[in-house]
Amino acid sequence: MSALLAMAFGEYMEFYYTYLMKQWHHMTPGKFVFILMTVAVIGFIMMRSSTKRI
């Protein structure tokens, strides 16, 4: 049973890796800007909510 689960998990991971690599290699400038802005907003929110101690 665990071998079957491991095989299924491996196939899912391979599928998503292939999908993400296709998206990455065929990324338009608009998609790239969206990713950069998302990372910037998440980073800004995380830095604002952190504690202010030195």
N, C-alpha and C. Protein backbone atom coordinates (compact mmCIF):
# COMPACT_ATOMS: atom_id res chain seq x y z
N MET A 1 0.82 -1.19 0.00
CA MET A 1 0.00 0.00 0.00
C MET A 1 0.87 1.25 0.00
N SER A 2 1.93 1.28 0.81
CA SER A 2 2.77 2.48 0.86
C SER A 2 3.54 2.67 -0.44
N ALA A 3 3.87 1.58 -1.13
CA ALA A 3 4.55 1.70 -2.42
C ALA A 3 3.63 2.35 -3.45
N LEU A 4 2.35 2.01 -3.39
CA LEU A 4 1.37 2.61 -4.29
C LEU A 4 1.22 4.11 -4.01
N LEU A 5 1.17 4.46 -2.72
CA LEU A 5 1.07 5.87 -2.36
C LEU A 5 2.33 6.64 -2.77
N ALA A 6 3.48 6.03 -2.59
CA ALA A 6 4.73 6.68 -2.98
C ALA A 6 4.78 6.88 -4.49
N MET A 7 4.32 5.91 -5.25
CA MET A 7 4.29 6.03 -6.70
C MET A 7 3.32 7.13 -7.14
N ALA A 8 2.15 7.16 -6.52
CA ALA A 8 1.16 8.19 -6.85
C ALA A 8 1.69 9.58 -6.51
N PHE A 9 2.31 9.70 -5.35
CA PHE A 9 2.88 10.99 -4.94
C PHE A 9 3.97 11.42 -5.91
N GLY A 10 4.80 10.48 -6.33
CA GLY A 10 5.87 10.79 -7.28
C GLY A 10 5.31 11.26 -8.62
N GLU A 11 4.23 10.63 -9.07
CA GLU A 11 3.61 11.05 -10.33
C GLU A 11 3.00 12.44 -10.22
N TYR A 12 2.36 12.73 -9.09
CA TYR A 12 1.82 14.07 -8.88
C TYR A 12 2.93 15.11 -8.88
N MET A 13 4.01 14.82 -8.18
CA MET A 13 5.13 15.76 -8.12
C MET A 13 5.74 15.98 -9.50
N GLU A 14 5.88 14.92 -10.27
CA GLU A 14 6.43 15.03 -11.62
C GLU A 14 5.52 15.88 -12.51
N PHE A 15 4.20 15.66 -12.39
CA PHE A 15 3.25 16.44 -13.18
C PHE A 15 3.34 17.92 -12.85
N TYR A 16 3.32 18.26 -11.56
CA TYR A 16 3.36 19.67 -11.17
C TYR A 16 4.70 20.31 -11.49
N TYR A 17 5.78 19.57 -11.38
CA TYR A 17 7.09 20.10 -11.75
C TYR A 17 7.12 20.42 -13.25
N THR A 18 6.64 19.49 -14.07
CA THR A 18 6.60 19.70 -15.51
C THR A 18 5.72 20.90 -15.86
N TYR A 19 4.56 20.98 -15.21
CA TYR A 19 3.63 22.09 -15.46
C TYR A 19 4.26 23.43 -15.10
N LEU A 20 4.89 23.51 -13.92
CA LEU A 20 5.50 24.76 -13.49
C LEU A 20 6.68 25.15 -14.38
N MET A 21 7.46 24.18 -14.83
CA MET A 21 8.58 24.50 -15.71
C MET A 21 8.09 25.01 -17.06
N LYS A 22 7.01 24.43 -17.59
CA LYS A 22 6.44 24.94 -18.84
C LYS A 22 5.96 26.37 -18.67
N GLN A 23 5.29 26.64 -17.53
CA GLN A 23 4.82 28.00 -17.27
C GLN A 23 5.99 28.97 -17.13
N TRP A 24 7.06 28.54 -16.47
CA TRP A 24 8.22 29.41 -16.25
C TRP A 24 8.92 29.74 -17.56
N HIS A 25 9.08 28.74 -18.44
CA HIS A 25 9.80 28.95 -19.69
C HIS A 25 8.99 29.75 -20.71
N HIS A 26 7.69 29.79 -20.56
CA HIS A 26 6.84 30.54 -21.50
C HIS A 26 6.16 31.71 -20.79
N MET A 27 6.86 32.32 -19.84
CA MET A 27 6.30 33.41 -19.06
C MET A 27 6.34 34.71 -19.86
N THR A 28 5.24 35.44 -19.82
CA THR A 28 5.18 36.75 -20.47
C THR A 28 5.67 37.81 -19.48
N PRO A 29 6.02 38.99 -19.97
CA PRO A 29 6.45 40.05 -19.05
C PRO A 29 5.38 40.40 -18.01
N GLY A 30 4.12 40.34 -18.40
CA GLY A 30 3.05 40.64 -17.46
C GLY A 30 2.99 39.65 -16.31
N LYS A 31 3.17 38.37 -16.62
CA LYS A 31 3.17 37.34 -15.58
C LYS A 31 4.37 37.53 -14.65
N PHE A 32 5.52 37.89 -15.23
CA PHE A 32 6.72 38.09 -14.42
C PHE A 32 6.53 39.26 -13.47
N VAL A 33 5.96 40.36 -13.96
CA VAL A 33 5.70 41.52 -13.10
C VAL A 33 4.72 41.14 -12.00
N PHE A 34 3.71 40.34 -12.32
CA PHE A 34 2.74 39.91 -11.31
C PHE A 34 3.43 39.12 -10.20
N ILE A 35 4.35 38.22 -10.56
CA ILE A 35 5.08 37.44 -9.56
C ILE A 35 5.94 38.36 -8.69
N LEU A 36 6.65 39.29 -9.32
CA LEU A 36 7.49 40.21 -8.55
C LEU A 36 6.67 41.07 -7.60
N MET A 37 5.54 41.58 -8.07
CA MET A 37 4.69 42.41 -7.21
C MET A 37 4.10 41.60 -6.07
N THR A 38 3.72 40.36 -6.33
CA THR A 38 3.17 39.50 -5.28
C THR A 38 4.21 39.26 -4.20
N VAL A 39 5.44 38.94 -4.60
CA VAL A 39 6.51 38.72 -3.63
C VAL A 39 6.78 40.00 -2.84
N ALA A 40 6.77 41.15 -3.52
CA ALA A 40 7.02 42.42 -2.83
C ALA A 40 5.93 42.72 -1.80
N VAL A 41 4.67 42.51 -2.16
CA VAL A 41 3.56 42.79 -1.24
C VAL A 41 3.61 41.85 -0.04
N ILE A 42 3.84 40.56 -0.28
CA ILE A 42 3.92 39.60 0.82
C ILE A 42 5.09 39.95 1.74
N GLY A 43 6.24 40.29 1.16
CA GLY A 43 7.40 40.68 1.97
C GLY A 43 7.13 41.93 2.78
N PHE A 44 6.47 42.91 2.17
CA PHE A 44 6.15 44.15 2.88
C PHE A 44 5.21 43.88 4.05
N ILE A 45 4.19 43.06 3.82
CA ILE A 45 3.24 42.72 4.89
C ILE A 45 3.95 41.97 6.01
N MET A 46 4.83 41.05 5.67
CA MET A 46 5.54 40.29 6.69
C MET A 46 6.48 41.19 7.49
N MET A 47 7.13 42.14 6.83
CA MET A 47 8.03 43.03 7.56
C MET A 47 7.25 44.00 8.45
N ARG A 48 6.10 44.45 8.01
CA ARG A 48 5.30 45.37 8.83
C ARG A 48 4.76 44.68 10.07
N SER A 49 4.42 43.40 9.95
CA SER A 49 3.81 42.71 11.08
C SER A 49 4.84 42.12 12.05
N SER A 50 6.13 42.24 11.72
CA SER A 50 7.15 41.69 12.62
C SER A 50 7.32 42.61 13.82
N THR A 51 7.95 42.08 14.86
CA THR A 51 8.17 42.88 16.07
C THR A 51 9.25 43.93 15.81
N LYS A 52 9.16 45.03 16.50
CA LYS A 52 10.08 46.15 16.29
C LYS A 52 11.11 46.21 17.41
N ARG A 53 11.97 45.24 17.51
CA ARG A 53 13.00 45.29 18.53
C ARG A 53 14.37 45.24 17.88
N ILE A 54 15.32 45.82 18.55
CA ILE A 54 16.68 45.91 18.01
C ILE A 54 17.58 44.92 18.71
